[in-house]
Amino acid sequence: SWGCGGNMTAQYYSDLYRRYATYARDYPGAPLKKIAAGANADDYKWTETCMKNMGRQMWGLTLHYYTLPTGKWNVKGSSTQFDEAQYFTTMQNCLRMEELVTKHSAIMDKYDPNKKVALVVDEWGIWTDVEPGTNPGFLYQQNSLRDALIAGTTLNIFNNHSDRVKMANLAQTVNVLQALVLTEKNKMILTPTYHVFDLYKVHQDAKYLPIDFASPDYVSGDKKIPALNVSASQDANGAIHISLVNLDPNKKINISTALDGLNWKTVTGQILTSAKVNDVNSFTDPNKIHIVKFNGAKKSGNKLSAEIPAQSVVVLELKN
C-alpha cells in the first residue's frame, strides 16, 4: 500500500483491492471480514479514495498512527529519560488520535452513513528510541507510567468513537514497542500498559454511555491540552464503569456530577499511578506500578464526586 507495501497511490491500491476482494469469497458458515489498508495518520485523501471506490467491498478500513515523543522519526526520544516538557509534547501527540479518528470518520460517514464499514486502528502506541545496548532492529523499549497514561487516553478515545472504531491493535504484545509484557530469559514482567488493559476489560461487550464534561487544562508554557479524558459503559448486569485519565503530573482533579436516569447505590474503584511519570516495572522491581484499590469516590444522593490524583488512570464501578 502507501508504505512498505509498495508505495502505491490510493487509486492504484483501490483498483488492486477491488480485483482481489471480488474473488476472496466467504467460506460456508465463516464469512470473511475483508479489511483494506487505510491511511497513514492524516492522509485524508487516501480514506476518501478508498471509501469512494471500495466501500461496498470491505468490512473495515485501517488507520495507522504512532505517538512519537519528539514528533521526529530519526530521534524519537527515550522511553524513560525525559523531562516534563517532553512528557507534555508526548501527550499532545497522543491526543492527536482524537482529531484523526474524528476526521477520518467524517469522510467515512459521507460514503457510509449507516456505519457498516469499521474504522480499524491497526497500529497505535508510543514509539521511542530502543533501549541502549539492544539490537535496534528488535525495537525493544521500556514501558513507563507515561505509556499507561497514553494507553488509557487512547482507549478512551476509541470507546467514545465505538460507533465507527470496531477494532484497534496496540503495537505490540511482547518486547516490542509499547508491549504488555517484557521478558528476559526465564523472567517475565507485566508493564504499566498491561495493567491499563486489565482495568479497561470491563468495557468489553458493554453498552457505550456518552459523557459530556468540561476538562481543566494542563498548561506547559504557552501551550495547553485537556488534563482529563473519560469514557463510560454499562455491562450486561447493569454495572456502570467510568474510566478516567488525569494527564496532569502536578495537579489532582476534583469531579462532581449528577447521574440522572441511572440507578446505582455503591461506587468502588481501582487506580494505576506512581510517584513519577517515568517510573517503570523492572526485572528487579516488577511490581513498582500495579493496580490498587481507589477510595477517592463517593455517592451523595444521585451525585458522584471523586478526586482523581495527578498522573493516574482510575476506573470506577457503580452498582445498584
C-alpha atoms as a PDB file:
ATOM      1  CA  SER A   1       0.000   0.000   0.000  1.00  0.00           C
ATOM      2  CA  TRP A   2       1.298   3.518   0.810  1.00  0.00           C
ATOM      3  CA  GLY A   3       4.418   2.394   2.717  1.00  0.00           C
ATOM      4  CA  CYS A   4       6.481  -0.776   2.662  1.00  0.00           C
ATOM      5  CA  GLY A   5       3.648  -2.485   0.796  1.00  0.00           C
ATOM      6  CA  GLY A   6       4.839  -0.828  -2.399  1.00  0.00           C
ATOM      7  CA  ASN A   7       4.420   2.959  -2.099  1.00  0.00           C
ATOM      8  CA  MET A   8       1.230   2.762  -4.147  1.00  0.00           C
ATOM      9  CA  THR A   9      -1.146   5.587  -4.878  1.00  0.00           C
ATOM     10  CA  ALA A  10      -4.599   5.359  -3.323  1.00  0.00           C
ATOM     11  CA  GLN A  11      -6.186   4.925  -6.746  1.00  0.00           C
ATOM     12  CA  TYR A  12      -3.858   2.092  -7.763  1.00  0.00           C
ATOM     13  CA  TYR A  13      -4.270   0.349  -4.407  1.00  0.00           C
ATOM     14  CA  SER A  14      -8.063   0.597  -4.550  1.00  0.00           C
ATOM     15  CA  ASP A  15      -8.077  -0.937  -8.037  1.00  0.00           C
ATOM     16  CA  LEU A  16      -5.963  -3.866  -6.820  1.00  0.00           C
ATOM     17  CA  TYR A  17      -8.118  -4.284  -3.735  1.00  0.00           C
ATOM     18  CA  ARG A  18     -11.310  -4.458  -5.803  1.00  0.00           C
ATOM     19  CA  ARG A  19      -9.768  -7.129  -8.028  1.00  0.00           C
ATOM     20  CA  TYR A  20      -8.731  -9.446  -5.214  1.00  0.00           C
ATOM     21  CA  ALA A  21     -11.695  -8.729  -2.926  1.00  0.00           C
ATOM     22  CA  THR A  22     -14.027  -9.860  -5.700  1.00  0.00           C
ATOM     23  CA  TYR A  23     -12.652 -13.399  -5.510  1.00  0.00           C
ATOM     24  CA  ALA A  24     -11.905 -13.555  -1.795  1.00  0.00           C
ATOM     25  CA  ARG A  25     -15.151 -15.365  -1.069  1.00  0.00           C
ATOM     26  CA  ASP A  26     -16.834 -16.471   2.134  1.00  0.00           C
ATOM     27  CA  TYR A  27     -16.431 -19.988   3.460  1.00  0.00           C
ATOM     28  CA  PRO A  28     -19.600 -21.861   4.492  1.00  0.00           C
ATOM     29  CA  GLY A  29     -20.552 -20.614   7.939  1.00  0.00           C
ATOM     30  CA  ALA A  30     -17.457 -18.411   8.101  1.00  0.00           C
ATOM     31  CA  PRO A  31     -17.889 -15.125   6.233  1.00  0.00           C
ATOM     32  CA  LEU A  32     -14.694 -13.192   5.599  1.00  0.00           C
ATOM     33  CA  LYS A  33     -14.151  -9.794   7.150  1.00  0.00           C
ATOM     34  CA  LYS A  34     -12.173  -8.014   4.465  1.00  0.00           C
ATOM     35  CA  ILE A  35     -10.034  -5.187   5.817  1.00  0.00           C
ATOM     36  CA  ALA A  36      -8.367  -2.708   3.488  1.00  0.00           C
ATOM     37  CA  ALA A  37      -5.077  -0.933   4.170  1.00  0.00           C
ATOM     38  CA  GLY A  38      -6.103   2.569   5.137  1.00  0.00           C
ATOM     39  CA  ALA A  39      -4.397   5.866   5.758  1.00  0.00           C
ATOM     40  CA  ASN A  40      -1.157   6.791   7.435  1.00  0.00           C
ATOM     41  CA  ALA A  41      -2.050   9.448  10.028  1.00  0.00           C
ATOM     42  CA  ASP A  42      -3.683  12.460   8.324  1.00  0.00           C
ATOM     43  CA  ASP A  43      -3.741  11.195   4.729  1.00  0.00           C
ATOM     44  CA  TYR A  44      -7.430  12.012   4.344  1.00  0.00           C
ATOM     45  CA  LYS A  45      -7.244  11.752   0.560  1.00  0.00           C
ATOM     46  CA  TRP A  46      -6.389   8.053   0.953  1.00  0.00           C
ATOM     47  CA  THR A  47      -9.520   7.471   3.030  1.00  0.00           C
ATOM     48  CA  GLU A  48     -11.641   9.454   0.574  1.00  0.00           C
ATOM     49  CA  THR A  49     -10.402   7.405  -2.390  1.00  0.00           C
ATOM     50  CA  CYS A  50     -10.833   4.064  -0.638  1.00  0.00           C
ATOM     51  CA  MET A  51     -14.339   4.829   0.604  1.00  0.00           C
ATOM     52  CA  LYS A  52     -15.395   6.115  -2.801  1.00  0.00           C
ATOM     53  CA  ASN A  53     -14.012   3.133  -4.725  1.00  0.00           C
ATOM     54  CA  MET A  54     -14.183   0.209  -2.274  1.00  0.00           C
ATOM     55  CA  GLY A  55     -16.821   0.978   0.347  1.00  0.00           C
ATOM     56  CA  ARG A  56     -19.107  -1.910  -0.568  1.00  0.00           C
ATOM     57  CA  GLN A  57     -16.312  -4.475  -0.692  1.00  0.00           C
ATOM     58  CA  MET A  58     -14.754  -4.149   2.755  1.00  0.00           C
ATOM     59  CA  TRP A  59     -15.659  -4.813   6.362  1.00  0.00           C
ATOM     60  CA  GLY A  60     -13.068  -2.362   7.638  1.00  0.00           C
ATOM     61  CA  LEU A  61     -10.571   0.321   6.652  1.00  0.00           C
ATOM     62  CA  THR A  62      -7.433   0.825   8.712  1.00  0.00           C
ATOM     63  CA  LEU A  63      -5.761   3.853  10.266  1.00  0.00           C
ATOM     64  CA  HIS A  64      -2.088   3.871  11.238  1.00  0.00           C
ATOM     65  CA  TYR A  65      -0.713   6.308  13.832  1.00  0.00           C
ATOM     66  CA  TYR A  66       2.065   6.214  16.422  1.00  0.00           C
ATOM     67  CA  THR A  67       2.787   8.632  19.258  1.00  0.00           C
ATOM     68  CA  LEU A  68       6.360   9.925  18.917  1.00  0.00           C
ATOM     69  CA  PRO A  69       7.635  11.839  21.981  1.00  0.00           C
ATOM     70  CA  THR A  70       9.616  14.319  19.864  1.00  0.00           C
ATOM     71  CA  GLY A  71       7.425  14.083  16.773  1.00  0.00           C
ATOM     72  CA  LYS A  72      10.538  13.106  14.790  1.00  0.00           C
ATOM     73  CA  TRP A  73      11.293   9.674  13.352  1.00  0.00           C
ATOM     74  CA  ASN A  74      15.083   9.995  13.366  1.00  0.00           C
ATOM     75  CA  VAL A  75      15.306  10.834  17.095  1.00  0.00           C
ATOM     76  CA  LYS A  76      12.082   9.749  18.746  1.00  0.00           C
ATOM     77  CA  GLY A  77      13.142  10.193  22.374  1.00  0.00           C
ATOM     78  CA  SER A  78      13.952   7.899  25.288  1.00  0.00           C
ATOM     79  CA  SER A  79      11.368   5.605  26.856  1.00  0.00           C
ATOM     80  CA  THR A  80      12.491   6.548  30.381  1.00  0.00           C
ATOM     81  CA  GLN A  81      14.788   9.590  30.306  1.00  0.00           C
ATOM     82  CA  PHE A  82      12.534  12.570  29.617  1.00  0.00           C
ATOM     83  CA  ASP A  83      11.610  15.825  31.320  1.00  0.00           C
ATOM     84  CA  GLU A  84       8.161  17.336  31.772  1.00  0.00           C
ATOM     85  CA  ALA A  85       8.454  19.367  28.571  1.00  0.00           C
ATOM     86  CA  GLN A  86       8.878  16.189  26.530  1.00  0.00           C
ATOM     87  CA  TYR A  87       6.185  14.459  28.571  1.00  0.00           C
ATOM     88  CA  PHE A  88       3.813  17.271  27.581  1.00  0.00           C
ATOM     89  CA  THR A  89       4.621  17.041  23.861  1.00  0.00           C
ATOM     90  CA  THR A  90       4.192  13.267  24.039  1.00  0.00           C
ATOM     91  CA  MET A  91       0.700  13.654  25.471  1.00  0.00           C
ATOM     92  CA  GLN A  92      -0.066  16.360  22.940  1.00  0.00           C
ATOM     93  CA  ASN A  93       0.894  13.936  20.165  1.00  0.00           C
ATOM     94  CA  CYS A  94      -1.102  11.142  21.799  1.00  0.00           C
ATOM     95  CA  LEU A  95      -4.258  13.272  21.899  1.00  0.00           C
ATOM     96  CA  ARG A  96      -3.970  13.831  18.154  1.00  0.00           C
ATOM     97  CA  MET A  97      -5.650  10.433  17.812  1.00  0.00           C
ATOM     98  CA  GLU A  98      -8.952  12.165  18.642  1.00  0.00           C
ATOM     99  CA  GLU A  99      -8.560  14.511  15.674  1.00  0.00           C
ATOM    100  CA  LEU A 100      -7.544  11.704  13.318  1.00  0.00           C
ATOM    101  CA  VAL A 101     -10.400   9.391  14.272  1.00  0.00           C
ATOM    102  CA  THR A 102     -12.908  12.253  14.063  1.00  0.00           C
ATOM    103  CA  LYS A 103     -11.802  13.462  10.629  1.00  0.00           C
ATOM    104  CA  HIS A 104     -11.413  10.021   9.041  1.00  0.00           C
ATOM    105  CA  SER A 105     -14.820   9.048  10.468  1.00  0.00           C
ATOM    106  CA  ALA A 106     -16.400  12.148   8.922  1.00  0.00           C
ATOM    107  CA  ILE A 107     -15.128  11.101   5.486  1.00  0.00           C
ATOM    108  CA  MET A 108     -16.410   7.571   6.030  1.00  0.00           C
ATOM    109  CA  ASP A 109     -19.801   8.959   7.105  1.00  0.00           C
ATOM    110  CA  LYS A 110     -20.141  10.684   3.737  1.00  0.00           C
ATOM    111  CA  TYR A 111     -19.975   7.369   1.863  1.00  0.00           C
ATOM    112  CA  ASP A 112     -21.256   5.084   4.624  1.00  0.00           C
ATOM    113  CA  PRO A 113     -23.827   6.943   6.754  1.00  0.00           C
ATOM    114  CA  ASN A 114     -25.054   3.682   8.300  1.00  0.00           C
ATOM    115  CA  LYS A 115     -21.550   2.948   9.609  1.00  0.00           C
ATOM    116  CA  LYS A 116     -21.304  -0.521   8.108  1.00  0.00           C
ATOM    117  CA  VAL A 117     -17.569  -0.129   7.413  1.00  0.00           C
ATOM    118  CA  ALA A 118     -15.411  -0.239  10.535  1.00  0.00           C
ATOM    119  CA  LEU A 119     -12.507   2.088  11.192  1.00  0.00           C
ATOM    120  CA  VAL A 120      -9.719  -0.265  12.275  1.00  0.00           C
ATOM    121  CA  VAL A 121      -6.817   1.446  14.053  1.00  0.00           C
ATOM    122  CA  ASP A 122      -4.358  -1.253  13.080  1.00  0.00           C
ATOM    123  CA  GLU A 123      -1.187   0.180  14.653  1.00  0.00           C
ATOM    124  CA  TRP A 124      -1.083   2.557  17.598  1.00  0.00           C
ATOM    125  CA  GLY A 125       1.005   3.236  20.675  1.00  0.00           C
ATOM    126  CA  ILE A 126       4.130   5.110  21.725  1.00  0.00           C
ATOM    127  CA  TRP A 127       7.289   4.544  19.692  1.00  0.00           C
ATOM    128  CA  THR A 128      10.560   5.604  21.325  1.00  0.00           C
ATOM    129  CA  ASP A 129      14.232   5.020  20.659  1.00  0.00           C
ATOM    130  CA  VAL A 130      15.319   1.480  21.523  1.00  0.00           C
ATOM    131  CA  GLU A 131      16.866   0.740  24.896  1.00  0.00           C
ATOM    132  CA  PRO A 132      20.645   1.370  24.954  1.00  0.00           C
ATOM    133  CA  GLY A 133      22.631  -1.774  24.211  1.00  0.00           C
ATOM    134  CA  THR A 134      19.785  -3.614  22.478  1.00  0.00           C
ATOM    135  CA  ASN A 135      19.509  -4.592  18.828  1.00  0.00           C
ATOM    136  CA  PRO A 136      17.924  -1.601  17.035  1.00  0.00           C
ATOM    137  CA  GLY A 137      16.083  -3.968  14.713  1.00  0.00           C
ATOM    138  CA  PHE A 138      14.222  -5.562  17.622  1.00  0.00           C
ATOM    139  CA  LEU A 139      12.501  -2.293  18.673  1.00  0.00           C
ATOM    140  CA  TYR A 140      12.782  -3.125  22.380  1.00  0.00           C
ATOM    141  CA  GLN A 141      11.716  -0.274  24.657  1.00  0.00           C
ATOM    142  CA  GLN A 142      10.856   0.058  28.337  1.00  0.00           C
ATOM    143  CA  ASN A 143       7.334   0.886  29.436  1.00  0.00           C
ATOM    144  CA  SER A 144       6.690   3.642  31.968  1.00  0.00           C
ATOM    145  CA  LEU A 145       3.718   5.234  33.674  1.00  0.00           C
ATOM    146  CA  ARG A 146       3.702   7.631  30.704  1.00  0.00           C
ATOM    147  CA  ASP A 147       2.881   4.644  28.481  1.00  0.00           C
ATOM    148  CA  ALA A 148      -0.006   3.692  30.769  1.00  0.00           C
ATOM    149  CA  LEU A 149      -1.456   7.203  30.521  1.00  0.00           C
ATOM    150  CA  ILE A 150      -1.166   7.009  26.726  1.00  0.00           C
ATOM    151  CA  ALA A 151      -2.906   3.627  26.697  1.00  0.00           C
ATOM    152  CA  GLY A 152      -5.773   4.810  28.900  1.00  0.00           C
ATOM    153  CA  THR A 153      -6.224   8.008  26.901  1.00  0.00           C
ATOM    154  CA  THR A 154      -6.194   6.219  23.554  1.00  0.00           C
ATOM    155  CA  LEU A 155      -8.628   3.546  24.712  1.00  0.00           C
ATOM    156  CA  ASN A 156     -10.960   6.283  25.969  1.00  0.00           C
ATOM    157  CA  ILE A 157     -10.853   7.858  22.506  1.00  0.00           C
ATOM    158  CA  PHE A 158     -11.689   4.522  20.889  1.00  0.00           C
ATOM    159  CA  ASN A 159     -14.522   3.893  23.362  1.00  0.00           C
ATOM    160  CA  ASN A 160     -16.001   7.307  22.595  1.00  0.00           C
ATOM    161  CA  HIS A 161     -15.936   6.515  18.863  1.00  0.00           C
ATOM    162  CA  SER A 162     -17.140   2.930  19.184  1.00  0.00           C
ATOM    163  CA  ASP A 163     -19.874   3.532  16.602  1.00  0.00           C
ATOM    164  CA  ARG A 164     -17.111   3.596  13.984  1.00  0.00           C
ATOM    165  CA  VAL A 165     -13.968   2.150  15.628  1.00  0.00           C
ATOM    166  CA  LYS A 166     -14.732  -1.587  15.793  1.00  0.00           C
ATOM    167  CA  MET A 167     -11.167  -2.879  16.112  1.00  0.00           C
ATOM    168  CA  ALA A 168      -7.829  -1.492  17.291  1.00  0.00           C
ATOM    169  CA  ASN A 169      -4.427  -3.132  17.617  1.00  0.00           C
ATOM    170  CA  LEU A 170      -1.746  -1.977  20.031  1.00  0.00           C
ATOM    171  CA  ALA A 171       1.784  -2.379  18.714  1.00  0.00           C
ATOM    172  CA  GLN A 172       2.860  -4.753  20.120  1.00  0.00           C
ATOM    173  CA  THR A 173       2.368  -7.544  22.669  1.00  0.00           C
ATOM    174  CA  VAL A 174       5.769  -8.802  23.854  1.00  0.00           C
ATOM    175  CA  ASN A 175       9.134  -6.965  23.993  1.00  0.00           C
ATOM    176  CA  VAL A 176       8.422  -4.690  21.008  1.00  0.00           C
ATOM    177  CA  LEU A 177       7.319  -1.028  21.177  1.00  0.00           C
ATOM    178  CA  GLN A 178       4.512  -0.416  23.717  1.00  0.00           C
ATOM    179  CA  ALA A 179       4.419  -4.002  24.911  1.00  0.00           C
ATOM    180  CA  LEU A 180       2.126  -5.542  27.500  1.00  0.00           C
ATOM    181  CA  VAL A 181       4.825  -7.984  28.598  1.00  0.00           C
ATOM    182  CA  LEU A 182       8.630  -7.819  28.773  1.00  0.00           C
ATOM    183  CA  THR A 183      10.800 -10.927  29.037  1.00  0.00           C
ATOM    184  CA  GLU A 184      14.412 -11.665  29.933  1.00  0.00           C
ATOM    185  CA  LYS A 185      15.467 -15.303  29.603  1.00  0.00           C
ATOM    186  CA  ASN A 186      13.135 -17.150  32.008  1.00  0.00           C
ATOM    187  CA  LYS A 187      11.741 -13.963  33.602  1.00  0.00           C
ATOM    188  CA  MET A 188       8.611 -12.055  32.650  1.00  0.00           C
ATOM    189  CA  ILE A 189       7.116  -8.779  33.878  1.00  0.00           C
ATOM    190  CA  LEU A 190       3.790  -7.065  33.277  1.00  0.00           C
ATOM    191  CA  THR A 191       4.134  -3.489  32.087  1.00  0.00           C
ATOM    192  CA  PRO A 192       2.031  -0.498  33.195  1.00  0.00           C
ATOM    193  CA  THR A 193       0.296  -0.743  29.814  1.00  0.00           C
ATOM    194  CA  TYR A 194      -0.755  -4.311  30.654  1.00  0.00           C
ATOM    195  CA  HIS A 195      -2.422  -3.064  33.824  1.00  0.00           C
ATOM    196  CA  VAL A 196      -4.413  -0.466  31.869  1.00  0.00           C
ATOM    197  CA  PHE A 197      -5.716  -3.188  29.565  1.00  0.00           C
ATOM    198  CA  ASP A 198      -6.614  -5.191  32.663  1.00  0.00           C
ATOM    199  CA  LEU A 199      -8.538  -2.217  34.088  1.00  0.00           C
ATOM    200  CA  TYR A 200     -10.349  -1.483  30.826  1.00  0.00           C
ATOM    201  CA  LYS A 201     -11.545  -5.018  30.142  1.00  0.00           C
ATOM    202  CA  VAL A 202     -14.800  -4.082  31.912  1.00  0.00           C
ATOM    203  CA  HIS A 203     -15.754  -2.087  28.794  1.00  0.00           C
ATOM    204  CA  GLN A 204     -15.674  -5.159  26.547  1.00  0.00           C
ATOM    205  CA  ASP A 205     -19.099  -6.222  25.220  1.00  0.00           C
ATOM    206  CA  ALA A 206     -20.700  -3.377  27.186  1.00  0.00           C
ATOM    207  CA  LYS A 207     -23.065  -0.605  26.115  1.00  0.00           C
ATOM    208  CA  TYR A 208     -21.411   2.733  25.427  1.00  0.00           C
ATOM    209  CA  LEU A 209     -22.592   5.598  27.642  1.00  0.00           C
ATOM    210  CA  PRO A 210     -21.932   9.121  26.319  1.00  0.00           C
ATOM    211  CA  ILE A 211     -20.434  11.611  28.776  1.00  0.00           C
ATOM    212  CA  ASP A 212     -20.460  15.380  28.419  1.00  0.00           C
ATOM    213  CA  PHE A 213     -17.879  17.132  30.580  1.00  0.00           C
ATOM    214  CA  ALA A 214     -15.523  20.099  30.636  1.00  0.00           C
ATOM    215  CA  SER A 215     -11.883  19.302  31.346  1.00  0.00           C
ATOM    216  CA  PRO A 216      -9.465  21.638  33.095  1.00  0.00           C
ATOM    217  CA  ASP A 217      -6.321  22.473  31.142  1.00  0.00           C
ATOM    218  CA  TYR A 218      -2.864  21.046  31.630  1.00  0.00           C
ATOM    219  CA  VAL A 219      -0.631  24.005  30.784  1.00  0.00           C
ATOM    220  CA  SER A 220       3.007  23.960  29.713  1.00  0.00           C
ATOM    221  CA  GLY A 221       4.441  27.351  28.790  1.00  0.00           C
ATOM    222  CA  ASP A 222       2.143  28.891  26.200  1.00  0.00           C
ATOM    223  CA  LYS A 223       0.553  25.552  25.275  1.00  0.00           C
ATOM    224  CA  LYS A 224      -2.268  23.605  26.834  1.00  0.00           C
ATOM    225  CA  ILE A 225      -4.105  20.301  26.459  1.00  0.00           C
ATOM    226  CA  PRO A 226      -7.146  18.816  28.219  1.00  0.00           C
ATOM    227  CA  ALA A 227      -5.949  17.355  31.516  1.00  0.00           C
ATOM    228  CA  LEU A 228      -8.805  14.865  31.847  1.00  0.00           C
ATOM    229  CA  ASN A 229     -10.278  12.327  29.446  1.00  0.00           C
ATOM    230  CA  VAL A 230     -13.132   9.934  30.179  1.00  0.00           C
ATOM    231  CA  SER A 231     -15.221   7.101  28.746  1.00  0.00           C
ATOM    232  CA  ALA A 232     -18.059   5.053  30.229  1.00  0.00           C
ATOM    233  CA  SER A 233     -20.119   1.938  29.608  1.00  0.00           C
ATOM    234  CA  GLN A 234     -22.770  -0.282  31.184  1.00  0.00           C
ATOM    235  CA  ASP A 235     -22.340  -4.047  31.260  1.00  0.00           C
ATOM    236  CA  ALA A 236     -24.955  -6.775  30.857  1.00  0.00           C
ATOM    237  CA  ASN A 237     -25.532  -6.889  34.623  1.00  0.00           C
ATOM    238  CA  GLY A 238     -26.256  -3.165  34.804  1.00  0.00           C
ATOM    239  CA  ALA A 239     -22.943  -2.123  36.369  1.00  0.00           C
ATOM    240  CA  ILE A 240     -21.603   1.207  35.119  1.00  0.00           C
ATOM    241  CA  HIS A 241     -17.872   1.644  34.545  1.00  0.00           C
ATOM    242  CA  ILE A 242     -16.219   5.034  34.142  1.00  0.00           C
ATOM    243  CA  SER A 243     -12.558   5.229  33.119  1.00  0.00           C
ATOM    244  CA  LEU A 244     -10.753   8.493  33.810  1.00  0.00           C
ATOM    245  CA  VAL A 245      -7.213   9.589  32.955  1.00  0.00           C
ATOM    246  CA  ASN A 246      -5.579  12.619  34.555  1.00  0.00           C
ATOM    247  CA  LEU A 247      -2.651  13.629  32.345  1.00  0.00           C
ATOM    248  CA  ASP A 248      -1.520  16.489  34.577  1.00  0.00           C
ATOM    249  CA  PRO A 249       1.551  15.327  36.539  1.00  0.00           C
ATOM    250  CA  ASN A 250       1.206  18.134  39.069  1.00  0.00           C
ATOM    251  CA  LYS A 251      -2.465  18.586  39.934  1.00  0.00           C
ATOM    252  CA  LYS A 252      -5.317  16.426  41.130  1.00  0.00           C
ATOM    253  CA  ILE A 253      -8.734  16.919  39.535  1.00  0.00           C
ATOM    254  CA  ASN A 254     -11.966  17.057  41.505  1.00  0.00           C
ATOM    255  CA  ILE A 255     -15.058  15.929  39.630  1.00  0.00           C
ATOM    256  CA  SER A 256     -18.696  16.156  40.630  1.00  0.00           C
ATOM    257  CA  THR A 257     -21.692  15.172  38.537  1.00  0.00           C
ATOM    258  CA  ALA A 258     -25.332  14.204  38.830  1.00  0.00           C
ATOM    259  CA  LEU A 259     -26.014  10.898  37.091  1.00  0.00           C
ATOM    260  CA  ASP A 260     -29.648  11.443  36.222  1.00  0.00           C
ATOM    261  CA  GLY A 261     -31.523   8.475  34.825  1.00  0.00           C
ATOM    262  CA  LEU A 262     -29.040   5.920  36.175  1.00  0.00           C
ATOM    263  CA  ASN A 263     -29.810   3.706  39.151  1.00  0.00           C
ATOM    264  CA  TRP A 264     -26.849   2.985  41.405  1.00  0.00           C
ATOM    265  CA  LYS A 265     -26.216   2.522  45.105  1.00  0.00           C
ATOM    266  CA  THR A 266     -22.483   1.969  45.536  1.00  0.00           C
ATOM    267  CA  VAL A 267     -19.244   3.172  43.962  1.00  0.00           C
ATOM    268  CA  THR A 268     -15.889   1.413  44.110  1.00  0.00           C
ATOM    269  CA  GLY A 269     -12.731   1.935  42.124  1.00  0.00           C
ATOM    270  CA  GLN A 270      -9.229   0.938  41.121  1.00  0.00           C
ATOM    271  CA  ILE A 271      -6.252   3.133  40.288  1.00  0.00           C
ATOM    272  CA  LEU A 272      -2.925   2.885  38.489  1.00  0.00           C
ATOM    273  CA  THR A 273      -0.312   5.532  39.267  1.00  0.00           C
ATOM    274  CA  SER A 274       3.208   6.039  40.595  1.00  0.00           C
ATOM    275  CA  ALA A 275       5.414   8.740  42.079  1.00  0.00           C
ATOM    276  CA  LYS A 276       6.987   9.702  38.735  1.00  0.00           C
ATOM    277  CA  VAL A 277       5.750   9.523  35.150  1.00  0.00           C
ATOM    278  CA  ASN A 278       8.960   7.767  34.091  1.00  0.00           C
ATOM    279  CA  ASP A 279       8.691   5.025  36.731  1.00  0.00           C
ATOM    280  CA  VAL A 280       8.815   1.509  35.267  1.00  0.00           C
ATOM    281  CA  ASN A 281       8.375  -2.112  36.238  1.00  0.00           C
ATOM    282  CA  SER A 282      11.783  -3.769  36.002  1.00  0.00           C
ATOM    283  CA  PHE A 283      13.089  -7.282  36.467  1.00  0.00           C
ATOM    284  CA  THR A 284      14.459  -6.212  39.857  1.00  0.00           C
ATOM    285  CA  ASP A 285      11.244  -4.405  40.844  1.00  0.00           C
ATOM    286  CA  PRO A 286       8.459  -5.984  38.763  1.00  0.00           C
ATOM    287  CA  ASN A 287       5.536  -4.611  40.793  1.00  0.00           C
ATOM    288  CA  LYS A 288       6.565  -0.996  41.236  1.00  0.00           C
ATOM    289  CA  ILE A 289       3.492   0.065  39.239  1.00  0.00           C
ATOM    290  CA  HIS A 290       0.381  -2.016  39.822  1.00  0.00           C
ATOM    291  CA  ILE A 291      -3.363  -1.672  40.327  1.00  0.00           C
ATOM    292  CA  VAL A 292      -4.577  -0.804  43.818  1.00  0.00           C
ATOM    293  CA  LYS A 293      -7.942  -0.012  45.379  1.00  0.00           C
ATOM    294  CA  PHE A 294      -9.200   3.543  44.860  1.00  0.00           C
ATOM    295  CA  ASN A 295     -11.073   5.176  47.732  1.00  0.00           C
ATOM    296  CA  GLY A 296     -11.420   8.675  46.317  1.00  0.00           C
ATOM    297  CA  ALA A 297     -15.007   8.444  45.040  1.00  0.00           C
ATOM    298  CA  LYS A 298     -18.266   8.807  46.945  1.00  0.00           C
ATOM    299  CA  LYS A 299     -22.029   8.957  46.430  1.00  0.00           C
ATOM    300  CA  SER A 300     -24.301  11.688  47.743  1.00  0.00           C
ATOM    301  CA  GLY A 301     -27.883  11.170  46.606  1.00  0.00           C
ATOM    302  CA  ASN A 302     -27.535  10.560  42.887  1.00  0.00           C
ATOM    303  CA  LYS A 303     -24.421  12.715  42.729  1.00  0.00           C
ATOM    304  CA  LEU A 304     -20.986  11.216  42.112  1.00  0.00           C
ATOM    305  CA  SER A 305     -17.877  13.021  43.300  1.00  0.00           C
ATOM    306  CA  ALA A 306     -14.264  11.912  43.041  1.00  0.00           C
ATOM    307  CA  GLU A 307     -10.743  13.223  43.447  1.00  0.00           C
ATOM    308  CA  ILE A 308      -8.556  11.972  40.595  1.00  0.00           C
ATOM    309  CA  PRO A 309      -4.864  12.098  41.575  1.00  0.00           C
ATOM    310  CA  ALA A 310      -2.241  13.583  39.280  1.00  0.00           C
ATOM    311  CA  GLN A 311      -0.823  11.283  36.559  1.00  0.00           C
ATOM    312  CA  SER A 312      -3.281   8.470  37.155  1.00  0.00           C
ATOM    313  CA  VAL A 313      -5.699   6.080  35.488  1.00  0.00           C
ATOM    314  CA  VAL A 314      -8.857   5.416  37.507  1.00  0.00           C
ATOM    315  CA  VAL A 315     -11.754   3.072  36.758  1.00  0.00           C
ATOM    316  CA  LEU A 316     -14.926   3.457  38.822  1.00  0.00           C
ATOM    317  CA  GLU A 317     -17.682   0.865  39.146  1.00  0.00           C
ATOM    318  CA  LEU A 318     -21.220   1.941  40.034  1.00  0.00           C
ATOM    319  CA  LYS A 319     -23.594  -0.828  41.048  1.00  0.00           C
ATOM    320  CA  ASN A 320     -27.219  -0.977  42.080  1.00  0.00           C
END
